[in-house]
Amino acid sequence: MRTLQKITTEKELNEVLKHRKDKSFSVLYHSLWDDRCLAIVKLAEEWQKKEGNETVYLVNSWDLPASFASFSISNAPSLVHLSNRRIKVDVEYPTLYNYFTDARRGNRPKRT
């Protein structure tokens, strides 16, 4: 089952990030005041209903503005993939759209 979880405190985010060496997941950095971010969050909510075992954590710029510096995020939306001690950051809107609509599922690494 896919999981979409909101993170609202630094403590929660640090707890999630400390498992980045032994678990695979993604973190969506977004801003609730931005229409493009709202569209991606809506796609993520639909994505959650589909079959799969991926996990995406949502980090809102209003709640945790300093957390964007963790991965040098300078714009939103941005999707950070953490898998097998590797980090990949997607910032292009079409890439994020494809991730949440499974449009290019064959080209994405598997998430566990």
PDB file of N, CA and C in Angstrom:
ATOM      1  N   MET A   1       0.833  -1.176   0.000  1.00  0.00           N
ATOM      2  CA  MET A   1       0.000   0.000   0.000  1.00  0.00           C
ATOM      3  C   MET A   1       0.882   1.246   0.000  1.00  0.00           C
ATOM      4  N   ARG A   2       0.531   2.193  -0.812  1.00  0.00           N
ATOM      5  CA  ARG A   2       1.272   3.447  -0.848  1.00  0.00           C
ATOM      6  C   ARG A   2       0.928   4.300   0.364  1.00  0.00           C
ATOM      7  N   THR A   3       1.924   5.048   0.809  1.00  0.00           N
ATOM      8  CA  THR A   3       1.745   5.877   1.986  1.00  0.00           C
ATOM      9  C   THR A   3       2.106   7.316   1.663  1.00  0.00           C
ATOM     10  N   LEU A   4       1.257   8.226   2.114  1.00  0.00           N
ATOM     11  CA  LEU A   4       1.490   9.663   1.999  1.00  0.00           C
ATOM     12  C   LEU A   4       1.316  10.227   3.394  1.00  0.00           C
ATOM     13  N   GLN A   5       2.397  10.804   3.937  1.00  0.00           N
ATOM     14  CA  GLN A   5       2.352  11.257   5.326  1.00  0.00           C
ATOM     15  C   GLN A   5       2.880  12.684   5.434  1.00  0.00           C
ATOM     16  N   LYS A   6       2.107  13.542   6.107  1.00  0.00           N
ATOM     17  CA  LYS A   6       2.522  14.927   6.326  1.00  0.00           C
ATOM     18  C   LYS A   6       3.469  14.997   7.516  1.00  0.00           C
ATOM     19  N   ILE A   7       4.508  15.791   7.364  1.00  0.00           N
ATOM     20  CA  ILE A   7       5.458  16.037   8.434  1.00  0.00           C
ATOM     21  C   ILE A   7       5.324  17.504   8.820  1.00  0.00           C
ATOM     22  N   THR A   8       5.115  17.770  10.110  1.00  0.00           N
ATOM     23  CA  THR A   8       4.872  19.149  10.535  1.00  0.00           C
ATOM     24  C   THR A   8       5.887  19.674  11.543  1.00  0.00           C
ATOM     25  N   THR A   9       6.791  18.816  12.024  1.00  0.00           N
ATOM     26  CA  THR A   9       7.787  19.272  12.986  1.00  0.00           C
ATOM     27  C   THR A   9       9.178  18.812  12.564  1.00  0.00           C
ATOM     28  N   GLU A  10      10.183  19.539  13.013  1.00  0.00           N
ATOM     29  CA  GLU A  10      11.574  19.158  12.744  1.00  0.00           C
ATOM     30  C   GLU A  10      11.877  17.785  13.339  1.00  0.00           C
ATOM     31  N   LYS A  11      11.314  17.501  14.500  1.00  0.00           N
ATOM     32  CA  LYS A  11      11.536  16.216  15.152  1.00  0.00           C
ATOM     33  C   LYS A  11      11.045  15.069  14.274  1.00  0.00           C
ATOM     34  N   GLU A  12       9.844  15.220  13.709  1.00  0.00           N
ATOM     35  CA  GLU A  12       9.301  14.188  12.814  1.00  0.00           C
ATOM     36  C   GLU A  12      10.195  14.006  11.591  1.00  0.00           C
ATOM     37  N   LEU A  13      10.619  15.112  11.003  1.00  0.00           N
ATOM     38  CA  LEU A  13      11.462  15.036   9.814  1.00  0.00           C
ATOM     39  C   LEU A  13      12.795  14.371  10.136  1.00  0.00           C
ATOM     40  N   ASN A  14      13.407  14.740  11.235  1.00  0.00           N
ATOM     41  CA  ASN A  14      14.681  14.126  11.623  1.00  0.00           C
ATOM     42  C   ASN A  14      14.526  12.635  11.877  1.00  0.00           C
ATOM     43  N   GLU A  15      13.405  12.234  12.468  1.00  0.00           N
ATOM     44  CA  GLU A  15      13.139  10.812  12.714  1.00  0.00           C
ATOM     45  C   GLU A  15      13.051  10.045  11.393  1.00  0.00           C
ATOM     46  N   VAL A  16      12.394  10.629  10.407  1.00  0.00           N
ATOM     47  CA  VAL A  16      12.274   9.990   9.092  1.00  0.00           C
ATOM     48  C   VAL A  16      13.634   9.931   8.407  1.00  0.00           C
ATOM     49  N   LEU A  17      14.347  11.042   8.403  1.00  0.00           N
ATOM     50  CA  LEU A  17      15.610  11.119   7.674  1.00  0.00           C
ATOM     51  C   LEU A  17      16.700  10.247   8.265  1.00  0.00           C
ATOM     52  N   LYS A  18      16.612   9.929   9.530  1.00  0.00           N
ATOM     53  CA  LYS A  18      17.651   9.074  10.117  1.00  0.00           C
ATOM     54  C   LYS A  18      17.567   7.638   9.586  1.00  0.00           C
ATOM     55  N   HIS A  19      16.459   7.288   8.931  1.00  0.00           N
ATOM     56  CA  HIS A  19      16.306   5.946   8.355  1.00  0.00           C
ATOM     57  C   HIS A  19      16.651   5.904   6.866  1.00  0.00           C
ATOM     58  N   ARG A  20      17.227   6.969   6.352  1.00  0.00           N
ATOM     59  CA  ARG A  20      17.487   7.028   4.911  1.00  0.00           C
ATOM     60  C   ARG A  20      18.556   6.048   4.453  1.00  0.00           C
ATOM     61  N   LYS A  21      19.333   5.485   5.360  1.00  0.00           N
ATOM     62  CA  LYS A  21      20.360   4.518   4.967  1.00  0.00           C
ATOM     63  C   LYS A  21      19.818   3.105   4.862  1.00  0.00           C
ATOM     64  N   ASP A  22      18.690   2.826   5.514  1.00  0.00           N
ATOM     65  CA  ASP A  22      18.169   1.463   5.506  1.00  0.00           C
ATOM     66  C   ASP A  22      16.760   1.333   4.934  1.00  0.00           C
ATOM     67  N   LYS A  23      16.148   2.452   4.536  1.00  0.00           N
ATOM     68  CA  LYS A  23      14.818   2.416   3.931  1.00  0.00           C
ATOM     69  C   LYS A  23      14.807   3.312   2.696  1.00  0.00           C
ATOM     70  N   SER A  24      13.879   3.019   1.798  1.00  0.00           N
ATOM     71  CA  SER A  24      13.706   3.851   0.611  1.00  0.00           C
ATOM     72  C   SER A  24      12.394   4.612   0.721  1.00  0.00           C
ATOM     73  N   PHE A  25      12.459   5.898   0.472  1.00  0.00           N
ATOM     74  CA  PHE A  25      11.266   6.738   0.516  1.00  0.00           C
ATOM     75  C   PHE A  25      11.560   8.044  -0.211  1.00  0.00           C
ATOM     76  N   SER A  26      10.544   8.857  -0.358  1.00  0.00           N
ATOM     77  CA  SER A  26      10.693  10.161  -0.998  1.00  0.00           C
ATOM     78  C   SER A  26      10.090  11.230  -0.105  1.00  0.00           C
ATOM     79  N   VAL A  27      10.597  12.447  -0.259  1.00  0.00           N
ATOM     80  CA  VAL A  27      10.090  13.585   0.498  1.00  0.00           C
ATOM     81  C   VAL A  27       9.696  14.665  -0.513  1.00  0.00           C
ATOM     82  N   LEU A  28       8.436  15.071  -0.468  1.00  0.00           N
ATOM     83  CA  LEU A  28       7.935  16.124  -1.352  1.00  0.00           C
ATOM     84  C   LEU A  28       7.935  17.437  -0.590  1.00  0.00           C
ATOM     85  N   TYR A  29       8.778  18.352  -1.023  1.00  0.00           N
ATOM     86  CA  TYR A  29       8.826  19.696  -0.447  1.00  0.00           C
ATOM     87  C   TYR A  29       7.886  20.569  -1.266  1.00  0.00           C
ATOM     88  N   HIS A  30       6.953  21.229  -0.590  1.00  0.00           N
ATOM     89  CA  HIS A  30       5.940  22.007  -1.306  1.00  0.00           C
ATOM     90  C   HIS A  30       5.541  23.238  -0.505  1.00  0.00           C
ATOM     91  N   SER A  31       4.788  24.102  -1.145  1.00  0.00           N
ATOM     92  CA  SER A  31       4.270  25.314  -0.506  1.00  0.00           C
ATOM     93  C   SER A  31       2.777  25.395  -0.772  1.00  0.00           C
ATOM     94  N   LEU A  32       1.999  25.572   0.277  1.00  0.00           N
ATOM     95  CA  LEU A  32       0.542  25.574   0.135  1.00  0.00           C
ATOM     96  C   LEU A  32       0.006  26.814  -0.578  1.00  0.00           C
ATOM     97  N   TRP A  33       0.797  27.832  -0.722  1.00  0.00           N
ATOM     98  CA  TRP A  33       0.338  29.052  -1.381  1.00  0.00           C
ATOM     99  C   TRP A  33       0.620  29.048  -2.879  1.00  0.00           C
ATOM    100  N   ASP A  34       1.295  28.015  -3.373  1.00  0.00           N
ATOM    101  CA  ASP A  34       1.687  27.946  -4.781  1.00  0.00           C
ATOM    102  C   ASP A  34       0.773  26.995  -5.553  1.00  0.00           C
ATOM    103  N   ASP A  35       0.188  27.470  -6.642  1.00  0.00           N
ATOM    104  CA  ASP A  35      -0.752  26.651  -7.415  1.00  0.00           C
ATOM    105  C   ASP A  35      -0.115  25.388  -7.976  1.00  0.00           C
ATOM    106  N   ARG A  36       1.137  25.469  -8.434  1.00  0.00           N
ATOM    107  CA  ARG A  36       1.809  24.278  -8.972  1.00  0.00           C
ATOM    108  C   ARG A  36       2.018  23.243  -7.874  1.00  0.00           C
ATOM    109  N   CYS A  37       2.377  23.705  -6.690  1.00  0.00           N
ATOM    110  CA  CYS A  37       2.552  22.786  -5.566  1.00  0.00           C
ATOM    111  C   CYS A  37       1.231  22.142  -5.181  1.00  0.00           C
ATOM    112  N   LEU A  38       0.174  22.943  -5.154  1.00  0.00           N
ATOM    113  CA  LEU A  38      -1.144  22.401  -4.825  1.00  0.00           C
ATOM    114  C   LEU A  38      -1.563  21.328  -5.821  1.00  0.00           C
ATOM    115  N   ALA A  39      -1.257  21.544  -7.088  1.00  0.00           N
ATOM    116  CA  ALA A  39      -1.591  20.551  -8.114  1.00  0.00           C
ATOM    117  C   ALA A  39      -0.814  19.256  -7.888  1.00  0.00           C
ATOM    118  N   ILE A  40       0.463  19.360  -7.539  1.00  0.00           N
ATOM    119  CA  ILE A  40       1.272  18.166  -7.274  1.00  0.00           C
ATOM    120  C   ILE A  40       0.781  17.438  -6.028  1.00  0.00           C
ATOM    121  N   VAL A  41       0.433  18.173  -4.987  1.00  0.00           N
ATOM    122  CA  VAL A  41      -0.089  17.541  -3.768  1.00  0.00           C
ATOM    123  C   VAL A  41      -1.392  16.812  -4.074  1.00  0.00           C
ATOM    124  N   LYS A  42      -2.233  17.401  -4.902  1.00  0.00           N
ATOM    125  CA  LYS A  42      -3.489  16.743  -5.286  1.00  0.00           C
ATOM    126  C   LYS A  42      -3.196  15.452  -6.060  1.00  0.00           C
ATOM    127  N   LEU A  43      -2.204  15.496  -6.968  1.00  0.00           N
ATOM    128  CA  LEU A  43      -1.799  14.287  -7.681  1.00  0.00           C
ATOM    129  C   LEU A  43      -1.260  13.240  -6.709  1.00  0.00           C
ATOM    130  N   ALA A  44      -0.514  13.684  -5.709  1.00  0.00           N
ATOM    131  CA  ALA A  44       0.032  12.758  -4.708  1.00  0.00           C
ATOM    132  C   ALA A  44      -1.088  12.081  -3.931  1.00  0.00           C
ATOM    133  N   GLU A  45      -2.131  12.813  -3.634  1.00  0.00           N
ATOM    134  CA  GLU A  45      -3.265  12.228  -2.912  1.00  0.00           C
ATOM    135  C   GLU A  45      -3.963  11.165  -3.760  1.00  0.00           C
ATOM    136  N   GLU A  46      -4.047  11.387  -5.059  1.00  0.00           N
ATOM    137  CA  GLU A  46      -4.616  10.374  -5.958  1.00  0.00           C
ATOM    138  C   GLU A  46      -3.661   9.195  -6.112  1.00  0.00           C
ATOM    139  N   TRP A  47      -2.368   9.484  -6.195  1.00  0.00           N
ATOM    140  CA  TRP A  47      -1.323   8.465  -6.325  1.00  0.00           C
ATOM    141  C   TRP A  47      -1.384   7.494  -5.153  1.00  0.00           C
ATOM    142  N   GLN A  48      -1.673   8.002  -3.977  1.00  0.00           N
ATOM    143  CA  GLN A  48      -1.724   7.190  -2.763  1.00  0.00           C
ATOM    144  C   GLN A  48      -2.783   6.090  -2.861  1.00  0.00           C
ATOM    145  N   LYS A  49      -3.818   6.328  -3.601  1.00  0.00           N
ATOM    146  CA  LYS A  49      -4.930   5.376  -3.697  1.00  0.00           C
ATOM    147  C   LYS A  49      -4.613   4.198  -4.619  1.00  0.00           C
ATOM    148  N   LYS A  50      -3.547   4.306  -5.399  1.00  0.00           N
ATOM    149  CA  LYS A  50      -3.199   3.259  -6.358  1.00  0.00           C
ATOM    150  C   LYS A  50      -2.314   2.206  -5.703  1.00  0.00           C
ATOM    151  N   GLU A  51      -2.221   1.065  -6.344  1.00  0.00           N
ATOM    152  CA  GLU A  51      -1.433  -0.042  -5.823  1.00  0.00           C
ATOM    153  C   GLU A  51       0.057   0.274  -5.860  1.00  0.00           C
ATOM    154  N   GLY A  52       0.761  -0.120  -4.838  1.00  0.00           N
ATOM    155  CA  GLY A  52       2.200   0.085  -4.755  1.00  0.00           C
ATOM    156  C   GLY A  52       2.648   0.067  -3.309  1.00  0.00           C
ATOM    157  N   ASN A  53       3.953   0.179  -3.098  1.00  0.00           N
ATOM    158  CA  ASN A  53       4.450   0.153  -1.730  1.00  0.00           C
ATOM    159  C   ASN A  53       5.392   1.323  -1.434  1.00  0.00           C
ATOM    160  N   GLU A  54       5.320   2.362  -2.222  1.00  0.00           N
ATOM    161  CA  GLU A  54       6.158   3.540  -2.018  1.00  0.00           C
ATOM    162  C   GLU A  54       5.647   4.393  -0.858  1.00  0.00           C
ATOM    163  N   THR A  55       6.561   5.161  -0.279  1.00  0.00           N
ATOM    164  CA  THR A  55       6.214   6.103   0.778  1.00  0.00           C
ATOM    165  C   THR A  55       6.706   7.481   0.380  1.00  0.00           C
ATOM    166  N   VAL A  56       5.842   8.472   0.511  1.00  0.00           N
ATOM    167  CA  VAL A  56       6.201   9.870   0.269  1.00  0.00           C
ATOM    168  C   VAL A  56       5.790  10.670   1.497  1.00  0.00           C
ATOM    169  N   TYR A  57       6.735  11.448   1.997  1.00  0.00           N
ATOM    170  CA  TYR A  57       6.470  12.347   3.114  1.00  0.00           C
ATOM    171  C   TYR A  57       6.308  13.755   2.561  1.00  0.00           C
ATOM    172  N   LEU A  58       5.326  14.485   3.071  1.00  0.00           N
ATOM    173  CA  LEU A  58       5.059  15.852   2.625  1.00  0.00           C
ATOM    174  C   LEU A  58       5.623  16.846   3.623  1.00  0.00           C
ATOM    175  N   VAL A  59       6.421  17.792   3.123  1.00  0.00           N
ATOM    176  CA  VAL A  59       6.985  18.842   3.962  1.00  0.00           C
ATOM    177  C   VAL A  59       6.557  20.182   3.375  1.00  0.00           C
ATOM    178  N   ASN A  60       5.804  20.933   4.163  1.00  0.00           N
ATOM    179  CA  ASN A  60       5.273  22.224   3.744  1.00  0.00           C
ATOM    180  C   ASN A  60       6.253  23.326   4.132  1.00  0.00           C
ATOM    181  N   SER A  61       6.512  24.242   3.210  1.00  0.00           N
ATOM    182  CA  SER A  61       7.463  25.325   3.467  1.00  0.00           C
ATOM    183  C   SER A  61       7.018  26.235   4.607  1.00  0.00           C
ATOM    184  N   TRP A  62       5.727  26.346   4.814  1.00  0.00           N
ATOM    185  CA  TRP A  62       5.234  27.202   5.885  1.00  0.00           C
ATOM    186  C   TRP A  62       5.530  26.603   7.254  1.00  0.00           C
ATOM    187  N   ASP A  63       5.372  25.278   7.372  1.00  0.00           N
ATOM    188  CA  ASP A  63       5.611  24.598   8.643  1.00  0.00           C
ATOM    189  C   ASP A  63       7.108  24.462   8.956  1.00  0.00           C
ATOM    190  N   LEU A  64       7.896  24.131   7.939  1.00  0.00           N
ATOM    191  CA  LEU A  64       9.319  23.824   8.150  1.00  0.00           C
ATOM    192  C   LEU A  64      10.206  24.519   7.110  1.00  0.00           C
ATOM    193  N   PRO A  65      10.262  25.832   7.107  1.00  0.00           N
ATOM    194  CA  PRO A  65      11.036  26.527   6.082  1.00  0.00           C
ATOM    195  C   PRO A  65      12.524  26.187   6.100  1.00  0.00           C
ATOM    196  N   ALA A  66      13.105  25.978   7.261  1.00  0.00           N
ATOM    197  CA  ALA A  66      14.535  25.677   7.351  1.00  0.00           C
ATOM    198  C   ALA A  66      14.866  24.287   6.813  1.00  0.00           C
ATOM    199  N   SER A  67      13.888  23.388   6.779  1.00  0.00           N
ATOM    200  CA  SER A  67      14.145  22.017   6.328  1.00  0.00           C
ATOM    201  C   SER A  67      14.504  21.950   4.848  1.00  0.00           C
ATOM    202  N   PHE A  68      14.144  22.955   4.082  1.00  0.00           N
ATOM    203  CA  PHE A  68      14.465  22.965   2.656  1.00  0.00           C
ATOM    204  C   PHE A  68      15.978  22.991   2.450  1.00  0.00           C
ATOM    205  N   ALA A  69      16.717  23.510   3.404  1.00  0.00           N
ATOM    206  CA  ALA A  69      18.171  23.576   3.290  1.00  0.00           C
ATOM    207  C   ALA A  69      18.832  22.208   3.413  1.00  0.00           C
ATOM    208  N   SER A  70      18.143  21.242   3.969  1.00  0.00           N
ATOM    209  CA  SER A  70      18.713  19.904   4.155  1.00  0.00           C
ATOM    210  C   SER A  70      19.247  19.308   2.864  1.00  0.00           C
ATOM    211  N   PHE A  71      18.548  19.547   1.781  1.00  0.00           N
ATOM    212  CA  PHE A  71      18.952  19.011   0.485  1.00  0.00           C
ATOM    213  C   PHE A  71      19.156  20.123  -0.538  1.00  0.00           C
ATOM    214  N   SER A  72      19.425  21.324  -0.059  1.00  0.00           N
ATOM    215  CA  SER A  72      19.640  22.500  -0.918  1.00  0.00           C
ATOM    216  C   SER A  72      18.444  22.764  -1.830  1.00  0.00           C
ATOM    217  N   ILE A  73      17.246  22.583  -1.298  1.00  0.00           N
ATOM    218  CA  ILE A  73      16.031  22.842  -2.057  1.00  0.00           C
ATOM    219  C   ILE A  73      15.836  24.349  -2.134  1.00  0.00           C
ATOM    220  N   SER A  74      15.754  24.857  -3.352  1.00  0.00           N
ATOM    221  CA  SER A  74      15.575  26.301  -3.518  1.00  0.00           C
ATOM    222  C   SER A  74      14.250  26.653  -4.172  1.00  0.00           C
ATOM    223  N   ASN A  75      13.524  25.659  -4.632  1.00  0.00           N
ATOM    224  CA  ASN A  75      12.205  25.935  -5.192  1.00  0.00           C
ATOM    225  C   ASN A  75      11.259  24.782  -4.889  1.00  0.00           C
ATOM    226  N   ALA A  76       9.999  25.091  -4.954  1.00  0.00           N
ATOM    227  CA  ALA A  76       8.973  24.083  -4.682  1.00  0.00           C
ATOM    228  C   ALA A  76       8.017  24.041  -5.865  1.00  0.00           C
ATOM    229  N   PRO A  77       7.506  22.902  -6.196  1.00  0.00           N
ATOM    230  CA  PRO A  77       7.701  21.612  -5.546  1.00  0.00           C
ATOM    231  C   PRO A  77       9.032  20.966  -5.927  1.00  0.00           C
ATOM    232  N   SER A  78       9.566  20.188  -5.009  1.00  0.00           N
ATOM    233  CA  SER A  78      10.767  19.387  -5.229  1.00  0.00           C
ATOM    234  C   SER A  78      10.549  18.036  -4.563  1.00  0.00           C
ATOM    235  N   LEU A  79      11.003  16.993  -5.234  1.00  0.00           N
ATOM    236  CA  LEU A  79      10.828  15.640  -4.717  1.00  0.00           C
ATOM    237  C   LEU A  79      12.209  15.015  -4.517  1.00  0.00           C
ATOM    238  N   VAL A  80      12.508  14.667  -3.278  1.00  0.00           N
ATOM    239  CA  VAL A  80      13.790  14.069  -2.928  1.00  0.00           C
ATOM    240  C   VAL A  80      13.581  12.570  -2.747  1.00  0.00           C
ATOM    241  N   HIS A  81      14.336  11.778  -3.506  1.00  0.00           N
ATOM    242  CA  HIS A  81      14.267  10.319  -3.418  1.00  0.00           C
ATOM    243  C   HIS A  81      15.475   9.834  -2.620  1.00  0.00           C
ATOM    244  N   LEU A  82      15.239   9.055  -1.588  1.00  0.00           N
ATOM    245  CA  LEU A  82      16.312   8.492  -0.770  1.00  0.00           C
ATOM    246  C   LEU A  82      16.216   6.980  -0.867  1.00  0.00           C
ATOM    247  N   SER A  83      17.250   6.367  -1.443  1.00  0.00           N
ATOM    248  CA  SER A  83      17.224   4.933  -1.667  1.00  0.00           C
ATOM    249  C   SER A  83      18.644   4.382  -1.662  1.00  0.00           C
ATOM    250  N   ASN A  84      18.871   3.365  -0.854  1.00  0.00           N
ATOM    251  CA  ASN A  84      20.176   2.701  -0.801  1.00  0.00           C
ATOM    252  C   ASN A  84      21.331   3.681  -0.650  1.00  0.00           C
ATOM    253  N   ARG A  85      21.179   4.599   0.284  1.00  0.00           N
ATOM    254  CA  ARG A  85      22.199   5.602   0.591  1.00  0.00           C
ATOM    255  C   ARG A  85      22.432   6.602  -0.545  1.00  0.00           C
ATOM    256  N   ARG A  86      21.559   6.597  -1.544  1.00  0.00           N
ATOM    257  CA  ARG A  86      21.661   7.561  -2.640  1.00  0.00           C
ATOM    258  C   ARG A  86      20.546   8.577  -2.512  1.00  0.00           C
ATOM    259  N   ILE A  87      20.841   9.783  -2.993  1.00  0.00           N
ATOM    260  CA  ILE A  87      19.863  10.867  -2.959  1.00  0.00           C
ATOM    261  C   ILE A  87      19.717  11.419  -4.366  1.00  0.00           C
ATOM    262  N   LYS A  88      18.473  11.555  -4.795  1.00  0.00           N
ATOM    263  CA  LYS A  88      18.172  12.148  -6.097  1.00  0.00           C
ATOM    264  C   LYS A  88      17.096  13.200  -5.869  1.00  0.00           C
ATOM    265  N   VAL A  89      17.280  14.374  -6.445  1.00  0.00           N
ATOM    266  CA  VAL A  89      16.322  15.456  -6.287  1.00  0.00           C
ATOM    267  C   VAL A  89      15.706  15.783  -7.647  1.00  0.00           C
ATOM    268  N   ASP A  90      14.384  15.716  -7.717  1.00  0.00           N
ATOM    269  CA  ASP A  90      13.642  16.111  -8.929  1.00  0.00           C
ATOM    270  C   ASP A  90      12.986  17.454  -8.671  1.00  0.00           C
ATOM    271  N   VAL A  91      13.216  18.407  -9.568  1.00  0.00           N
ATOM    272  CA  VAL A  91      12.615  19.731  -9.409  1.00  0.00           C
ATOM    273  C   VAL A  91      11.766  20.146 -10.607  1.00  0.00           C
ATOM    274  N   GLU A  92      11.891  19.442 -11.709  1.00  0.00           N
ATOM    275  CA  GLU A  92      11.127  19.806 -12.895  1.00  0.00           C
ATOM    276  C   GLU A  92       9.682  19.326 -12.756  1.00  0.00           C
ATOM    277  N   TYR A  93       8.759  20.211 -13.036  1.00  0.00           N
ATOM    278  CA  TYR A  93       7.341  19.890 -12.879  1.00  0.00           C
ATOM    279  C   TYR A  93       6.932  18.659 -13.691  1.00  0.00           C
ATOM    280  N   PRO A  94       7.344  18.531 -14.957  1.00  0.00           N
ATOM    281  CA  PRO A  94       6.945  17.323 -15.707  1.00  0.00           C
ATOM    282  C   PRO A  94       7.434  16.026 -15.063  1.00  0.00           C
ATOM    283  N   THR A  95       8.609  16.038 -14.473  1.00  0.00           N
ATOM    284  CA  THR A  95       9.129  14.847 -13.797  1.00  0.00           C
ATOM    285  C   THR A  95       8.282  14.497 -12.586  1.00  0.00           C
ATOM    286  N   LEU A  96       7.897  15.512 -11.813  1.00  0.00           N
ATOM    287  CA  LEU A  96       7.039  15.273 -10.654  1.00  0.00           C
ATOM    288  C   LEU A  96       5.669  14.778 -11.092  1.00  0.00           C
ATOM    289  N   TYR A  97       5.134  15.380 -12.128  1.00  0.00           N
ATOM    290  CA  TYR A  97       3.842  14.952 -12.667  1.00  0.00           C
ATOM    291  C   TYR A  97       3.908  13.487 -13.074  1.00  0.00           C
ATOM    292  N   ASN A  98       4.960  13.116 -13.794  1.00  0.00           N
ATOM    293  CA  ASN A  98       5.104  11.724 -14.242  1.00  0.00           C
ATOM    294  C   ASN A  98       5.235  10.761 -13.068  1.00  0.00           C
ATOM    295  N   TYR A  99       5.920  11.162 -12.035  1.00  0.00           N
ATOM    296  CA  TYR A  99       6.069  10.298 -10.863  1.00  0.00           C
ATOM    297  C   TYR A  99       4.710   9.985 -10.238  1.00  0.00           C
ATOM    298  N   PHE A 100       3.917  11.005 -10.043  1.00  0.00           N
ATOM    299  CA  PHE A 100       2.642  10.806  -9.352  1.00  0.00           C
ATOM    300  C   PHE A 100       1.512  10.300 -10.243  1.00  0.00           C
ATOM    301  N   THR A 101       1.692  10.312 -11.541  1.00  0.00           N
ATOM    302  CA  THR A 101       0.679   9.756 -12.432  1.00  0.00           C
ATOM    303  C   THR A 101       1.125   8.416 -13.003  1.00  0.00           C
ATOM    304  N   ASP A 102       2.320   7.974 -12.625  1.00  0.00           N
ATOM    305  CA  ASP A 102       2.885   6.709 -13.123  1.00  0.00           C
ATOM    306  C   ASP A 102       3.046   6.707 -14.634  1.00  0.00           C
ATOM    307  N   ALA A 103       3.152   7.887 -15.237  1.00  0.00           N
ATOM    308  CA  ALA A 103       3.263   7.986 -16.685  1.00  0.00           C
ATOM    309  C   ALA A 103       4.539   7.341 -17.208  1.00  0.00           C
ATOM    310  N   ARG A 104       5.590   7.345 -16.426  1.00  0.00           N
ATOM    311  CA  ARG A 104       6.859   6.773 -16.858  1.00  0.00           C
ATOM    312  C   ARG A 104       7.338   5.739 -15.845  1.00  0.00           C
ATOM    313  N   ARG A 105       6.464   4.938 -15.362  1.00  0.00           N
ATOM    314  CA  ARG A 105       6.776   3.998 -14.284  1.00  0.00           C
ATOM    315  C   ARG A 105       7.965   3.096 -14.632  1.00  0.00           C
ATOM    316  N   GLY A 106       8.070   2.693 -15.852  1.00  0.00           N
ATOM    317  CA  GLY A 106       9.169   1.815 -16.249  1.00  0.00           C
ATOM    318  C   GLY A 106      10.530   2.458 -16.119  1.00  0.00           C
ATOM    319  N   ASN A 107      10.625   3.772 -16.129  1.00  0.00           N
ATOM    320  CA  ASN A 107      11.899   4.473 -16.042  1.00  0.00           C
ATOM    321  C   ASN A 107      12.266   4.860 -14.621  1.00  0.00           C
ATOM    322  N   ARG A 108      11.385   4.613 -13.652  1.00  0.00           N
ATOM    323  CA  ARG A 108      11.646   5.002 -12.265  1.00  0.00           C
ATOM    324  C   ARG A 108      12.257   3.838 -11.509  1.00  0.00           C
ATOM    325  N   PRO A 109      13.157   4.117 -10.588  1.00  0.00           N
ATOM    326  CA  PRO A 109      13.666   3.031  -9.749  1.00  0.00           C
ATOM    327  C   PRO A 109      12.568   2.525  -8.827  1.00  0.00           C
ATOM    328  N   LYS A 110      12.623   1.249  -8.487  1.00  0.00           N
ATOM    329  CA  LYS A 110      11.633   0.676  -7.589  1.00  0.00           C
ATOM    330  C   LYS A 110      11.837   1.210  -6.198  1.00  0.00           C
ATOM    331  N   ARG A 111      10.743   1.442  -5.489  1.00  0.00           N
ATOM    332  CA  ARG A 111      10.780   1.908  -4.100  1.00  0.00           C
ATOM    333  C   ARG A 111      10.346   0.765  -3.194  1.00  0.00           C
ATOM    334  N   THR A 112      11.029   0.591  -2.092  1.00  0.00           N
ATOM    335  CA  THR A 112      10.637  -0.442  -1.137  1.00  0.00           C
ATOM    336  C   THR A 112      10.339   0.149   0.197  1.00  0.00           C
TER     337      THR A 112
END
